[in-house]
Protein backbone atom coordinates (compact mmCIF):
# COMPACT_ATOMS: atom_id res chain seq x y z
CA UNK A 1 0.00 0.00 0.00
CA UNK A 2 2.85 2.39 0.86
CA UNK A 3 4.55 1.70 -2.49
CA UNK A 4 1.35 2.53 -4.40
CA UNK A 5 0.84 5.71 -2.37
CA UNK A 6 4.42 6.88 -3.03
CA UNK A 7 3.97 6.24 -6.75
CA UNK A 8 0.81 8.35 -6.81
CA UNK A 9 2.47 11.21 -4.94
CA UNK A 10 5.48 11.19 -7.26
CA UNK A 11 3.35 11.04 -10.40
CA UNK A 12 0.90 13.75 -9.37
CA UNK A 13 3.18 16.80 -9.97
CA UNK A 14 3.86 15.56 -13.50
CA UNK A 15 0.13 15.47 -14.25
CA UNK A 16 -0.43 18.93 -12.81
CA UNK A 17 2.62 20.28 -14.64
CA UNK A 18 1.39 18.85 -17.93
CA UNK A 19 -2.00 20.49 -17.47
CA UNK A 20 -0.29 23.88 -17.03
CA UNK A 21 1.45 23.73 -20.40
CA UNK A 22 -0.65 24.76 -23.37
CA UNK A 23 -0.75 26.31 -26.86
CA UNK A 24 -2.39 29.69 -27.37
CA UNK A 25 -3.32 31.62 -30.50
CA UNK A 26 -2.58 35.34 -30.11
CA UNK A 27 -4.73 37.48 -32.41
CA UNK A 28 -3.46 40.81 -33.74
CA UNK A 29 -6.14 42.50 -35.85
CA UNK A 30 -6.48 40.32 -38.98
CA UNK A 31 -3.35 38.26 -38.25
CA UNK A 32 -2.11 36.00 -35.45
CA UNK A 33 0.71 33.82 -34.10
CA UNK A 34 1.06 30.84 -31.79
CA UNK A 35 2.83 30.64 -28.44
CA UNK A 36 3.37 27.94 -25.85
CA UNK A 37 2.53 28.88 -22.29
CA UNK A 38 4.01 27.37 -19.15
CA UNK A 39 1.99 28.45 -16.13
CA UNK A 40 3.95 28.84 -12.91
CA UNK A 41 1.76 29.84 -10.00
CA UNK A 42 0.11 33.15 -10.83
CA UNK A 43 2.37 33.91 -13.80
CA UNK A 44 2.84 32.38 -17.25
CA UNK A 45 6.02 32.20 -19.34
CA UNK A 46 5.48 32.38 -23.10
CA UNK A 47 7.64 30.64 -25.69
CA UNK A 48 7.81 30.77 -29.46
CA UNK A 49 10.15 29.46 -32.18
CA UNK A 50 13.56 30.90 -31.43
CA UNK A 51 16.41 30.66 -28.98
CA UNK A 52 14.34 31.20 -25.80
CA UNK A 53 12.92 27.68 -26.06
CA UNK A 54 15.03 25.57 -23.73
CA UNK A 55 12.35 25.21 -21.03
CA UNK A 56 9.95 23.66 -23.56
CA UNK A 57 12.62 21.21 -24.76
CA UNK A 58 13.07 20.07 -21.13
CA UNK A 59 9.39 19.24 -20.60
CA UNK A 60 8.42 15.57 -20.00
CA UNK A 61 8.12 13.57 -23.22
CA UNK A 62 4.41 12.94 -22.66
CA UNK A 63 3.80 16.69 -22.42
CA UNK A 64 5.84 17.41 -25.55
CA UNK A 65 3.90 14.80 -27.53
CA UNK A 66 0.60 16.26 -26.30
CA UNK A 67 1.69 19.75 -27.38
CA UNK A 68 2.54 18.46 -30.86
CA UNK A 69 -0.97 17.05 -31.15
CA UNK A 70 -2.45 20.37 -29.99
CA UNK A 71 -0.37 22.26 -32.57
CA UNK A 72 -1.52 19.96 -35.36
CA UNK A 73 -5.07 21.09 -34.59
CA UNK A 74 -4.03 24.59 -35.65
CA UNK A 75 -2.88 23.44 -39.10
CA UNK A 76 -6.43 23.93 -40.34
CA UNK A 77 -6.16 27.68 -39.63
CA UNK A 78 -4.95 29.60 -42.70
CA UNK A 79 -4.84 33.07 -41.15
CA UNK A 80 -1.63 34.98 -41.91
CA UNK A 81 1.01 35.43 -39.19
CA UNK A 82 1.79 38.85 -37.82
CA UNK A 83 5.52 38.07 -38.10
CA UNK A 84 7.52 38.31 -41.30
CA UNK A 85 9.81 35.56 -42.59
CA UNK A 86 13.24 35.87 -40.98
CA UNK A 87 16.13 33.69 -39.86
CA UNK A 88 14.94 32.01 -36.65
CA UNK A 89 18.21 30.26 -36.04
CA UNK A 90 20.04 33.07 -34.27
CA UNK A 91 23.68 32.05 -34.44
CA UNK A 92 23.26 29.78 -37.45
CA UNK A 93 24.50 32.45 -39.87
CA UNK A 94 26.13 30.41 -42.64
CA UNK A 95 22.98 30.64 -44.80
CA UNK A 96 23.85 31.99 -48.23
CA UNK A 97 20.47 31.63 -49.90
CA UNK A 98 17.86 34.22 -48.95
CA UNK A 99 14.10 33.69 -49.32
CA UNK A 100 11.93 35.65 -51.71
CA UNK A 101 8.77 35.21 -49.64
CA UNK A 102 8.04 37.71 -46.88
CA UNK A 103 4.91 36.34 -45.20
CA UNK A 104 3.76 32.99 -43.82
CA UNK A 105 0.58 31.71 -42.25
CA UNK A 106 -0.48 30.03 -39.01
CA UNK A 107 -0.17 26.55 -40.54
CA UNK A 108 3.57 27.12 -41.01
CA UNK A 109 3.81 28.65 -37.54
CA UNK A 110 2.34 25.48 -36.02
CA UNK A 111 4.76 23.23 -37.93
CA UNK A 112 7.76 25.33 -36.89
CA UNK A 113 6.77 25.05 -33.22
CA UNK A 114 6.41 21.29 -33.67
CA UNK A 115 9.99 21.17 -34.97
CA UNK A 116 11.28 22.93 -31.87
CA UNK A 117 9.37 20.62 -29.56
CA UNK A 118 10.38 17.41 -31.36
CA UNK A 119 13.98 18.25 -32.28
CA UNK A 120 15.22 20.48 -29.45
CA UNK A 121 18.00 22.82 -30.65
CA UNK A 122 18.49 20.67 -33.77
CA UNK A 123 15.51 22.63 -35.13
CA UNK A 124 17.84 25.60 -35.63
CA UNK A 125 19.52 23.70 -38.45
CA UNK A 126 16.50 21.76 -39.65
CA UNK A 127 14.11 24.71 -40.12
CA UNK A 128 16.01 28.02 -39.90
CA UNK A 129 13.18 29.87 -41.69
CA UNK A 130 9.38 29.58 -41.31
CA UNK A 131 9.22 28.65 -44.97
CA UNK A 132 8.98 25.37 -46.89
CA UNK A 133 10.65 24.49 -50.17
CA UNK A 134 9.55 22.17 -52.99
CA UNK A 135 12.66 20.39 -54.29
CA UNK A 136 10.95 19.35 -57.54
CA UNK A 137 9.57 22.73 -58.61
CA UNK A 138 12.28 24.70 -56.74
CA UNK A 139 9.59 27.00 -55.36
CA UNK A 140 9.01 28.37 -51.86
CA UNK A 141 5.90 27.39 -49.92
CA UNK A 142 4.77 29.99 -47.41
CA UNK A 143 1.01 29.87 -47.37
CA UNK A 144 -2.09 28.11 -48.64
CA UNK A 145 -1.17 25.54 -51.27
CA UNK A 146 -1.50 21.89 -52.18
CA UNK A 147 2.14 21.40 -51.24
CA UNK A 148 1.53 22.75 -47.74
CA UNK A 149 -1.49 20.47 -47.34
CA UNK A 150 0.73 17.53 -48.31
CA UNK A 151 3.35 18.53 -45.74
CA UNK A 152 0.69 18.81 -43.03
CA UNK A 153 -0.52 15.30 -43.90
CA UNK A 154 3.07 14.04 -43.63
CA UNK A 155 3.43 15.64 -40.20
CA UNK A 156 0.18 14.06 -39.03
CA UNK A 157 1.32 10.59 -40.07
CA UNK A 158 4.72 11.21 -38.46
CA UNK A 159 2.94 12.27 -35.27
CA UNK A 160 0.94 9.04 -35.11
CA UNK A 161 4.20 7.07 -35.14
CA UNK A 162 5.71 9.40 -32.54
CA UNK A 163 2.65 9.03 -30.35
CA UNK A 164 2.96 5.27 -30.51
CA UNK A 165 6.75 4.90 -30.13
CA UNK A 166 7.77 8.09 -28.32
CA UNK A 167 11.09 9.85 -28.92
CA UNK A 168 12.92 6.67 -29.78
CA UNK A 169 14.44 5.83 -33.18
CA UNK A 170 12.52 8.57 -34.95
CA UNK A 171 13.26 10.56 -38.11
CA UNK A 172 13.01 14.20 -39.07
CA UNK A 173 9.39 14.82 -40.10
CA UNK A 174 10.24 15.46 -43.78
CA UNK A 175 13.05 12.94 -44.06
CA UNK A 176 13.36 11.58 -47.60
CA UNK A 177 10.40 13.66 -48.85
CA UNK A 178 9.86 16.01 -51.78
CA UNK A 179 9.55 18.96 -49.41
CA UNK A 180 12.06 20.45 -46.99
CA UNK A 181 12.49 23.54 -44.85
CA UNK A 182 14.06 26.46 -46.66
CA UNK A 183 17.86 26.59 -46.14
CA UNK A 184 17.67 23.59 -43.81
CA UNK A 185 20.96 21.91 -43.05
CA UNK A 186 21.17 18.61 -41.20
CA UNK A 187 23.29 15.49 -41.33
CA UNK A 188 21.78 13.12 -38.79
CA UNK A 189 18.72 11.41 -40.27
CA UNK A 190 17.55 9.44 -37.26
CA UNK A 191 17.51 10.05 -33.52
CA UNK A 192 17.97 7.13 -31.14
CA UNK A 193 16.34 9.24 -28.44
CA UNK A 194 15.35 12.85 -27.79
CA UNK A 195 18.29 15.18 -28.59
CA UNK A 196 19.73 17.12 -25.70
CA UNK A 197 19.49 20.91 -25.89
CA UNK A 198 22.75 22.30 -27.28
CA UNK A 199 24.14 24.85 -24.82
CA UNK A 200 25.60 26.81 -27.71
CA UNK A 201 22.09 28.07 -28.36
CA UNK A 202 21.20 28.99 -24.80
CA UNK A 203 19.62 32.43 -24.66
CA UNK A 204 18.14 34.66 -22.03
CA UNK A 205 14.82 33.28 -20.89
CA UNK A 206 11.65 35.22 -21.63
CA UNK A 207 10.69 37.39 -18.69
C-alpha atoms as a PDB file:
ATOM      1  CA  UNK A   1       0.000   0.000   0.000  1.00  0.00           C
ATOM      2  CA  UNK A   2       2.851   2.392   0.856  1.00  0.00           C
ATOM      3  CA  UNK A   3       4.549   1.700  -2.492  1.00  0.00           C
ATOM      4  CA  UNK A   4       1.353   2.534  -4.400  1.00  0.00           C
ATOM      5  CA  UNK A   5       0.844   5.709  -2.367  1.00  0.00           C
ATOM      6  CA  UNK A   6       4.415   6.877  -3.026  1.00  0.00           C
ATOM      7  CA  UNK A   7       3.970   6.245  -6.749  1.00  0.00           C
ATOM      8  CA  UNK A   8       0.809   8.347  -6.808  1.00  0.00           C
ATOM      9  CA  UNK A   9       2.472  11.208  -4.936  1.00  0.00           C
ATOM     10  CA  UNK A  10       5.477  11.190  -7.263  1.00  0.00           C
ATOM     11  CA  UNK A  11       3.353  11.042 -10.397  1.00  0.00           C
ATOM     12  CA  UNK A  12       0.902  13.751  -9.374  1.00  0.00           C
ATOM     13  CA  UNK A  13       3.183  16.800  -9.970  1.00  0.00           C
ATOM     14  CA  UNK A  14       3.863  15.558 -13.504  1.00  0.00           C
ATOM     15  CA  UNK A  15       0.132  15.466 -14.255  1.00  0.00           C
ATOM     16  CA  UNK A  16      -0.426  18.933 -12.806  1.00  0.00           C
ATOM     17  CA  UNK A  17       2.623  20.280 -14.643  1.00  0.00           C
ATOM     18  CA  UNK A  18       1.392  18.845 -17.933  1.00  0.00           C
ATOM     19  CA  UNK A  19      -1.998  20.494 -17.468  1.00  0.00           C
ATOM     20  CA  UNK A  20      -0.292  23.882 -17.028  1.00  0.00           C
ATOM     21  CA  UNK A  21       1.455  23.730 -20.401  1.00  0.00           C
ATOM     22  CA  UNK A  22      -0.646  24.765 -23.374  1.00  0.00           C
ATOM     23  CA  UNK A  23      -0.749  26.306 -26.856  1.00  0.00           C
ATOM     24  CA  UNK A  24      -2.392  29.689 -27.375  1.00  0.00           C
ATOM     25  CA  UNK A  25      -3.325  31.622 -30.504  1.00  0.00           C
ATOM     26  CA  UNK A  26      -2.584  35.337 -30.115  1.00  0.00           C
ATOM     27  CA  UNK A  27      -4.725  37.482 -32.411  1.00  0.00           C
ATOM     28  CA  UNK A  28      -3.463  40.805 -33.738  1.00  0.00           C
ATOM     29  CA  UNK A  29      -6.142  42.496 -35.845  1.00  0.00           C
ATOM     30  CA  UNK A  30      -6.481  40.316 -38.976  1.00  0.00           C
ATOM     31  CA  UNK A  31      -3.346  38.263 -38.248  1.00  0.00           C
ATOM     32  CA  UNK A  32      -2.112  35.997 -35.450  1.00  0.00           C
ATOM     33  CA  UNK A  33       0.713  33.822 -34.100  1.00  0.00           C
ATOM     34  CA  UNK A  34       1.064  30.838 -31.788  1.00  0.00           C
ATOM     35  CA  UNK A  35       2.827  30.640 -28.436  1.00  0.00           C
ATOM     36  CA  UNK A  36       3.365  27.939 -25.849  1.00  0.00           C
ATOM     37  CA  UNK A  37       2.527  28.877 -22.291  1.00  0.00           C
ATOM     38  CA  UNK A  38       4.014  27.370 -19.151  1.00  0.00           C
ATOM     39  CA  UNK A  39       1.988  28.448 -16.134  1.00  0.00           C
ATOM     40  CA  UNK A  40       3.946  28.842 -12.909  1.00  0.00           C
ATOM     41  CA  UNK A  41       1.764  29.836 -10.000  1.00  0.00           C
ATOM     42  CA  UNK A  42       0.106  33.151 -10.826  1.00  0.00           C
ATOM     43  CA  UNK A  43       2.366  33.914 -13.800  1.00  0.00           C
ATOM     44  CA  UNK A  44       2.841  32.383 -17.251  1.00  0.00           C
ATOM     45  CA  UNK A  45       6.021  32.201 -19.338  1.00  0.00           C
ATOM     46  CA  UNK A  46       5.480  32.381 -23.102  1.00  0.00           C
ATOM     47  CA  UNK A  47       7.636  30.636 -25.689  1.00  0.00           C
ATOM     48  CA  UNK A  48       7.815  30.767 -29.464  1.00  0.00           C
ATOM     49  CA  UNK A  49      10.151  29.465 -32.176  1.00  0.00           C
ATOM     50  CA  UNK A  50      13.564  30.899 -31.435  1.00  0.00           C
ATOM     51  CA  UNK A  51      16.406  30.660 -28.976  1.00  0.00           C
ATOM     52  CA  UNK A  52      14.340  31.197 -25.798  1.00  0.00           C
ATOM     53  CA  UNK A  53      12.916  27.682 -26.057  1.00  0.00           C
ATOM     54  CA  UNK A  54      15.032  25.570 -23.733  1.00  0.00           C
ATOM     55  CA  UNK A  55      12.349  25.208 -21.032  1.00  0.00           C
ATOM     56  CA  UNK A  56       9.953  23.659 -23.556  1.00  0.00           C
ATOM     57  CA  UNK A  57      12.615  21.206 -24.756  1.00  0.00           C
ATOM     58  CA  UNK A  58      13.070  20.075 -21.133  1.00  0.00           C
ATOM     59  CA  UNK A  59       9.387  19.235 -20.596  1.00  0.00           C
ATOM     60  CA  UNK A  60       8.420  15.574 -20.001  1.00  0.00           C
ATOM     61  CA  UNK A  61       8.117  13.565 -23.221  1.00  0.00           C
ATOM     62  CA  UNK A  62       4.408  12.945 -22.656  1.00  0.00           C
ATOM     63  CA  UNK A  63       3.805  16.691 -22.419  1.00  0.00           C
ATOM     64  CA  UNK A  64       5.842  17.409 -25.547  1.00  0.00           C
ATOM     65  CA  UNK A  65       3.899  14.802 -27.528  1.00  0.00           C
ATOM     66  CA  UNK A  66       0.596  16.264 -26.296  1.00  0.00           C
ATOM     67  CA  UNK A  67       1.691  19.753 -27.382  1.00  0.00           C
ATOM     68  CA  UNK A  68       2.545  18.464 -30.859  1.00  0.00           C
ATOM     69  CA  UNK A  69      -0.968  17.049 -31.153  1.00  0.00           C
ATOM     70  CA  UNK A  70      -2.445  20.367 -29.990  1.00  0.00           C
ATOM     71  CA  UNK A  71      -0.373  22.263 -32.569  1.00  0.00           C
ATOM     72  CA  UNK A  72      -1.520  19.962 -35.363  1.00  0.00           C
ATOM     73  CA  UNK A  73      -5.075  21.088 -34.586  1.00  0.00           C
ATOM     74  CA  UNK A  74      -4.034  24.594 -35.654  1.00  0.00           C
ATOM     75  CA  UNK A  75      -2.876  23.444 -39.096  1.00  0.00           C
ATOM     76  CA  UNK A  76      -6.435  23.931 -40.342  1.00  0.00           C
ATOM     77  CA  UNK A  77      -6.162  27.678 -39.628  1.00  0.00           C
ATOM     78  CA  UNK A  78      -4.948  29.600 -42.701  1.00  0.00           C
ATOM     79  CA  UNK A  79      -4.844  33.072 -41.150  1.00  0.00           C
ATOM     80  CA  UNK A  80      -1.627  34.979 -41.907  1.00  0.00           C
ATOM     81  CA  UNK A  81       1.008  35.429 -39.195  1.00  0.00           C
ATOM     82  CA  UNK A  82       1.791  38.851 -37.820  1.00  0.00           C
ATOM     83  CA  UNK A  83       5.521  38.075 -38.100  1.00  0.00           C
ATOM     84  CA  UNK A  84       7.518  38.305 -41.300  1.00  0.00           C
ATOM     85  CA  UNK A  85       9.812  35.558 -42.593  1.00  0.00           C
ATOM     86  CA  UNK A  86      13.243  35.871 -40.981  1.00  0.00           C
ATOM     87  CA  UNK A  87      16.130  33.686 -39.858  1.00  0.00           C
ATOM     88  CA  UNK A  88      14.940  32.012 -36.647  1.00  0.00           C
ATOM     89  CA  UNK A  89      18.212  30.261 -36.037  1.00  0.00           C
ATOM     90  CA  UNK A  90      20.042  33.069 -34.267  1.00  0.00           C
ATOM     91  CA  UNK A  91      23.684  32.052 -34.437  1.00  0.00           C
ATOM     92  CA  UNK A  92      23.262  29.775 -37.450  1.00  0.00           C
ATOM     93  CA  UNK A  93      24.497  32.450 -39.874  1.00  0.00           C
ATOM     94  CA  UNK A  94      26.127  30.408 -42.645  1.00  0.00           C
ATOM     95  CA  UNK A  95      22.981  30.635 -44.802  1.00  0.00           C
ATOM     96  CA  UNK A  96      23.855  31.986 -48.231  1.00  0.00           C
ATOM     97  CA  UNK A  97      20.470  31.629 -49.897  1.00  0.00           C
ATOM     98  CA  UNK A  98      17.864  34.220 -48.950  1.00  0.00           C
ATOM     99  CA  UNK A  99      14.104  33.693 -49.317  1.00  0.00           C
ATOM    100  CA  UNK A 100      11.930  35.653 -51.713  1.00  0.00           C
ATOM    101  CA  UNK A 101       8.768  35.206 -49.640  1.00  0.00           C
ATOM    102  CA  UNK A 102       8.045  37.706 -46.881  1.00  0.00           C
ATOM    103  CA  UNK A 103       4.908  36.338 -45.201  1.00  0.00           C
ATOM    104  CA  UNK A 104       3.760  32.986 -43.818  1.00  0.00           C
ATOM    105  CA  UNK A 105       0.579  31.709 -42.246  1.00  0.00           C
ATOM    106  CA  UNK A 106      -0.480  30.025 -39.011  1.00  0.00           C
ATOM    107  CA  UNK A 107      -0.172  26.551 -40.539  1.00  0.00           C
ATOM    108  CA  UNK A 108       3.567  27.116 -41.013  1.00  0.00           C
ATOM    109  CA  UNK A 109       3.813  28.653 -37.540  1.00  0.00           C
ATOM    110  CA  UNK A 110       2.341  25.485 -36.020  1.00  0.00           C
ATOM    111  CA  UNK A 111       4.759  23.225 -37.928  1.00  0.00           C
ATOM    112  CA  UNK A 112       7.756  25.328 -36.885  1.00  0.00           C
ATOM    113  CA  UNK A 113       6.774  25.045 -33.217  1.00  0.00           C
ATOM    114  CA  UNK A 114       6.405  21.292 -33.668  1.00  0.00           C
ATOM    115  CA  UNK A 115       9.991  21.173 -34.973  1.00  0.00           C
ATOM    116  CA  UNK A 116      11.283  22.932 -31.872  1.00  0.00           C
ATOM    117  CA  UNK A 117       9.368  20.618 -29.559  1.00  0.00           C
ATOM    118  CA  UNK A 118      10.376  17.414 -31.360  1.00  0.00           C
ATOM    119  CA  UNK A 119      13.980  18.250 -32.284  1.00  0.00           C
ATOM    120  CA  UNK A 120      15.221  20.475 -29.448  1.00  0.00           C
ATOM    121  CA  UNK A 121      18.003  22.819 -30.646  1.00  0.00           C
ATOM    122  CA  UNK A 122      18.487  20.666 -33.772  1.00  0.00           C
ATOM    123  CA  UNK A 123      15.511  22.629 -35.129  1.00  0.00           C
ATOM    124  CA  UNK A 124      17.836  25.602 -35.626  1.00  0.00           C
ATOM    125  CA  UNK A 125      19.519  23.700 -38.445  1.00  0.00           C
ATOM    126  CA  UNK A 126      16.496  21.764 -39.652  1.00  0.00           C
ATOM    127  CA  UNK A 127      14.108  24.714 -40.117  1.00  0.00           C
ATOM    128  CA  UNK A 128      16.008  28.016 -39.899  1.00  0.00           C
ATOM    129  CA  UNK A 129      13.185  29.866 -41.691  1.00  0.00           C
ATOM    130  CA  UNK A 130       9.380  29.577 -41.307  1.00  0.00           C
ATOM    131  CA  UNK A 131       9.222  28.647 -44.974  1.00  0.00           C
ATOM    132  CA  UNK A 132       8.977  25.374 -46.886  1.00  0.00           C
ATOM    133  CA  UNK A 133      10.653  24.488 -50.167  1.00  0.00           C
ATOM    134  CA  UNK A 134       9.553  22.174 -52.991  1.00  0.00           C
ATOM    135  CA  UNK A 135      12.658  20.388 -54.292  1.00  0.00           C
ATOM    136  CA  UNK A 136      10.949  19.350 -57.542  1.00  0.00           C
ATOM    137  CA  UNK A 137       9.568  22.726 -58.608  1.00  0.00           C
ATOM    138  CA  UNK A 138      12.275  24.702 -56.740  1.00  0.00           C
ATOM    139  CA  UNK A 139       9.588  26.999 -55.360  1.00  0.00           C
ATOM    140  CA  UNK A 140       9.014  28.367 -51.864  1.00  0.00           C
ATOM    141  CA  UNK A 141       5.898  27.390 -49.917  1.00  0.00           C
ATOM    142  CA  UNK A 142       4.772  29.992 -47.410  1.00  0.00           C
ATOM    143  CA  UNK A 143       1.005  29.869 -47.369  1.00  0.00           C
ATOM    144  CA  UNK A 144      -2.089  28.108 -48.637  1.00  0.00           C
ATOM    145  CA  UNK A 145      -1.172  25.540 -51.272  1.00  0.00           C
ATOM    146  CA  UNK A 146      -1.504  21.892 -52.180  1.00  0.00           C
ATOM    147  CA  UNK A 147       2.143  21.404 -51.239  1.00  0.00           C
ATOM    148  CA  UNK A 148       1.526  22.747 -47.743  1.00  0.00           C
ATOM    149  CA  UNK A 149      -1.488  20.466 -47.343  1.00  0.00           C
ATOM    150  CA  UNK A 150       0.728  17.527 -48.315  1.00  0.00           C
ATOM    151  CA  UNK A 151       3.352  18.534 -45.745  1.00  0.00           C
ATOM    152  CA  UNK A 152       0.686  18.808 -43.031  1.00  0.00           C
ATOM    153  CA  UNK A 153      -0.524  15.302 -43.895  1.00  0.00           C
ATOM    154  CA  UNK A 154       3.070  14.039 -43.635  1.00  0.00           C
ATOM    155  CA  UNK A 155       3.425  15.640 -40.203  1.00  0.00           C
ATOM    156  CA  UNK A 156       0.177  14.063 -39.027  1.00  0.00           C
ATOM    157  CA  UNK A 157       1.321  10.585 -40.068  1.00  0.00           C
ATOM    158  CA  UNK A 158       4.719  11.214 -38.461  1.00  0.00           C
ATOM    159  CA  UNK A 159       2.941  12.274 -35.266  1.00  0.00           C
ATOM    160  CA  UNK A 160       0.936   9.044 -35.114  1.00  0.00           C
ATOM    161  CA  UNK A 161       4.196   7.072 -35.144  1.00  0.00           C
ATOM    162  CA  UNK A 162       5.713   9.402 -32.543  1.00  0.00           C
ATOM    163  CA  UNK A 163       2.646   9.029 -30.345  1.00  0.00           C
ATOM    164  CA  UNK A 164       2.960   5.268 -30.514  1.00  0.00           C
ATOM    165  CA  UNK A 165       6.746   4.901 -30.134  1.00  0.00           C
ATOM    166  CA  UNK A 166       7.769   8.086 -28.324  1.00  0.00           C
ATOM    167  CA  UNK A 167      11.085   9.850 -28.920  1.00  0.00           C
ATOM    168  CA  UNK A 168      12.925   6.668 -29.777  1.00  0.00           C
ATOM    169  CA  UNK A 169      14.442   5.826 -33.177  1.00  0.00           C
ATOM    170  CA  UNK A 170      12.520   8.571 -34.951  1.00  0.00           C
ATOM    171  CA  UNK A 171      13.257  10.560 -38.107  1.00  0.00           C
ATOM    172  CA  UNK A 172      13.011  14.204 -39.068  1.00  0.00           C
ATOM    173  CA  UNK A 173       9.388  14.824 -40.098  1.00  0.00           C
ATOM    174  CA  UNK A 174      10.243  15.463 -43.778  1.00  0.00           C
ATOM    175  CA  UNK A 175      13.053  12.941 -44.057  1.00  0.00           C
ATOM    176  CA  UNK A 176      13.356  11.585 -47.602  1.00  0.00           C
ATOM    177  CA  UNK A 177      10.402  13.655 -48.848  1.00  0.00           C
ATOM    178  CA  UNK A 178       9.862  16.013 -51.781  1.00  0.00           C
ATOM    179  CA  UNK A 179       9.554  18.956 -49.412  1.00  0.00           C
ATOM    180  CA  UNK A 180      12.058  20.446 -46.986  1.00  0.00           C
ATOM    181  CA  UNK A 181      12.487  23.537 -44.845  1.00  0.00           C
ATOM    182  CA  UNK A 182      14.063  26.460 -46.660  1.00  0.00           C
ATOM    183  CA  UNK A 183      17.856  26.595 -46.143  1.00  0.00           C
ATOM    184  CA  UNK A 184      17.668  23.594 -43.810  1.00  0.00           C
ATOM    185  CA  UNK A 185      20.957  21.910 -43.046  1.00  0.00           C
ATOM    186  CA  UNK A 186      21.172  18.612 -41.196  1.00  0.00           C
ATOM    187  CA  UNK A 187      23.290  15.489 -41.327  1.00  0.00           C
ATOM    188  CA  UNK A 188      21.781  13.123 -38.793  1.00  0.00           C
ATOM    189  CA  UNK A 189      18.717  11.408 -40.268  1.00  0.00           C
ATOM    190  CA  UNK A 190      17.551   9.438 -37.257  1.00  0.00           C
ATOM    191  CA  UNK A 191      17.514  10.049 -33.523  1.00  0.00           C
ATOM    192  CA  UNK A 192      17.975   7.134 -31.140  1.00  0.00           C
ATOM    193  CA  UNK A 193      16.338   9.236 -28.438  1.00  0.00           C
ATOM    194  CA  UNK A 194      15.351  12.853 -27.789  1.00  0.00           C
ATOM    195  CA  UNK A 195      18.288  15.180 -28.586  1.00  0.00           C
ATOM    196  CA  UNK A 196      19.733  17.120 -25.699  1.00  0.00           C
ATOM    197  CA  UNK A 197      19.486  20.912 -25.892  1.00  0.00           C
ATOM    198  CA  UNK A 198      22.754  22.298 -27.284  1.00  0.00           C
ATOM    199  CA  UNK A 199      24.139  24.848 -24.821  1.00  0.00           C
ATOM    200  CA  UNK A 200      25.603  26.814 -27.712  1.00  0.00           C
ATOM    201  CA  UNK A 201      22.086  28.071 -28.357  1.00  0.00           C
ATOM    202  CA  UNK A 202      21.195  28.989 -24.799  1.00  0.00           C
ATOM    203  CA  UNK A 203      19.617  32.430 -24.657  1.00  0.00           C
ATOM    204  CA  UNK A 204      18.143  34.663 -22.030  1.00  0.00           C
ATOM    205  CA  UNK A 205      14.817  33.278 -20.893  1.00  0.00           C
ATOM    206  CA  UNK A 206      11.648  35.224 -21.634  1.00  0.00           C
ATOM    207  CA  UNK A 207      10.688  37.389 -18.688  1.00  0.00           C
END
